[in-house]
Protein backbone atom coordinates (compact mmCIF):
# COMPACT_ATOMS: atom_id res chain seq x y z
CA MET A 1 -14.15 -8.39 16.39
CA LYS A 2 -16.97 -6.19 15.08
CA GLY A 3 -15.60 -3.24 17.07
CA ARG A 4 -12.16 -3.68 15.47
CA ILE A 5 -13.65 -3.72 11.97
CA THR A 6 -15.65 -0.58 12.75
CA GLN A 7 -12.49 1.11 14.07
CA ASP A 8 -10.54 0.14 10.90
CA ILE A 9 -13.29 1.60 8.70
CA PHE A 10 -13.34 4.80 10.77
CA GLU A 11 -9.53 5.17 10.64
CA TYR A 12 -9.56 4.62 6.87
CA ALA A 13 -12.32 7.19 6.36
CA VAL A 14 -10.48 9.79 8.43
CA ALA A 15 -7.16 9.09 6.73
CA THR A 16 -8.59 9.35 3.22
CA GLN A 17 -10.87 12.38 3.51
CA GLU A 18 -10.17 13.64 0.02
CA ARG A 19 -6.74 15.03 0.73
CA ARG A 20 -5.34 13.26 -2.29
CA ALA A 21 -4.84 15.11 -5.55
CA GLU A 22 -5.93 12.22 -7.76
CA ARG A 23 -8.84 9.84 -7.44
CA ARG A 24 -7.93 6.19 -6.87
CA ARG A 25 -9.58 3.36 -8.79
CA PRO A 26 -10.48 0.08 -7.08
CA VAL A 27 -8.31 -2.93 -8.01
CA HIS A 28 -7.40 -6.31 -6.57
CA LYS A 29 -3.76 -6.97 -7.46
CA ASN A 30 -1.14 -9.15 -5.82
CA GLY A 31 1.71 -7.18 -4.34
CA GLN A 32 4.82 -7.59 -2.27
CA ILE A 33 6.52 -5.11 0.05
CA ILE A 34 10.30 -5.20 -0.27
CA THR A 35 12.20 -3.50 2.52
CA ALA A 36 15.74 -2.09 2.55
CA ARG A 37 16.78 -5.43 4.01
CA SER A 38 16.02 -7.16 0.70
CA SER A 39 15.62 -10.51 2.44
CA SER A 40 12.53 -9.12 4.18
CA THR A 41 9.28 -9.14 2.19
CA VAL A 42 5.58 -8.96 3.06
CA MET A 43 2.74 -10.12 0.81
CA CYS A 44 -0.07 -7.61 0.26
CA ILE A 45 -3.07 -6.84 -1.92
CA VAL A 46 -3.26 -3.54 -3.79
CA ARG A 47 -6.87 -2.48 -3.11
CA ASP A 48 -6.93 0.81 -5.00
CA ILE A 49 -4.45 2.81 -7.04
CA SER A 50 -3.89 6.16 -8.79
CA GLU A 51 -0.98 7.77 -10.60
CA ALA A 52 0.19 9.18 -7.25
CA GLY A 53 -0.31 6.31 -4.78
CA ALA A 54 -2.15 3.22 -3.58
CA ARG A 55 -3.91 1.52 -0.68
CA LEU A 56 -2.39 -1.79 0.41
CA ARG A 57 -3.97 -4.49 2.59
CA MET A 58 -1.97 -7.07 4.55
CA ALA A 59 -2.17 -9.28 7.65
CA SER A 60 -0.42 -6.69 9.85
CA THR A 61 1.21 -3.31 9.28
CA ALA A 62 3.31 -3.47 12.46
CA SER A 63 6.66 -4.21 10.81
CA ILE A 64 6.27 -2.10 7.67
CA PRO A 65 8.88 0.70 7.37
CA GLU A 66 8.17 4.30 6.30
CA THR A 67 9.73 3.75 2.84
CA PHE A 68 9.98 0.58 0.77
CA LEU A 69 9.65 -0.85 -2.72
CA LEU A 70 6.24 -2.07 -3.83
CA LEU A 71 6.23 -4.93 -6.31
CA ILE A 72 2.91 -5.07 -8.17
CA LYS A 73 3.12 -8.67 -9.33
CA ASP A 74 0.12 -8.54 -11.69
CA GLU A 75 1.82 -5.73 -13.65
CA ASN A 76 5.40 -6.95 -13.18
CA VAL A 77 6.51 -3.50 -11.97
CA VAL A 78 8.29 -2.18 -8.90
CA VAL A 79 7.89 1.36 -7.55
CA PRO A 80 9.44 3.16 -4.57
CA VAL A 81 6.84 4.34 -2.05
CA GLU A 82 6.45 6.22 1.21
CA ARG A 83 3.81 5.45 3.84
CA VAL A 84 1.29 8.28 4.27
CA TRP A 85 -1.12 6.62 6.71
CA SER A 86 -1.75 3.20 8.21
CA ASN A 87 -4.09 1.24 10.44
CA THR A 88 -4.00 -2.37 11.62
CA HIS A 89 -4.33 -4.01 8.18
CA GLU A 90 -3.92 -1.24 5.60
CA ILE A 91 -1.35 1.29 4.46
CA GLY A 92 -1.82 4.27 2.20
CA VAL A 93 1.31 5.04 0.17
CA LYS A 94 2.47 7.70 -2.24
CA PHE A 95 4.76 6.85 -5.13
CA THR A 96 8.14 8.54 -4.72
CA GLY A 97 9.78 7.50 -7.96
CA PRO A 98 9.08 6.04 -11.39
CA ARG A 99 7.70 2.57 -11.98
CA ARG A 100 10.14 0.16 -13.56
CA SER A 101 9.98 -3.38 -14.84
CA ALA A 102 10.54 -6.01 -12.15
CA PHE A 103 11.75 -8.77 -14.53
CA CYS A 104 10.15 -11.50 -12.46
């Protein structure tokens, strides 16, 4: 278990080596991944966010597609995103369109 955690930390560090244009701020917001098959959703936690993207944490990233809608429940907004990097439990995404009200 400790080896897996160390590997996740290493993969995150490599994936996020200041290639992003904007600095992310740490948050802890409830989110939901909504795939093209709208009946398919995955709960997640938004761990950090910027104007350009976010880092999401979930139980497993195995079934997450390259593009999807991210519902940020705590803000009641939905935004289209594209996966930039991923490891076992986290995905880094960039926002590909404007945020809009989720009406939920």
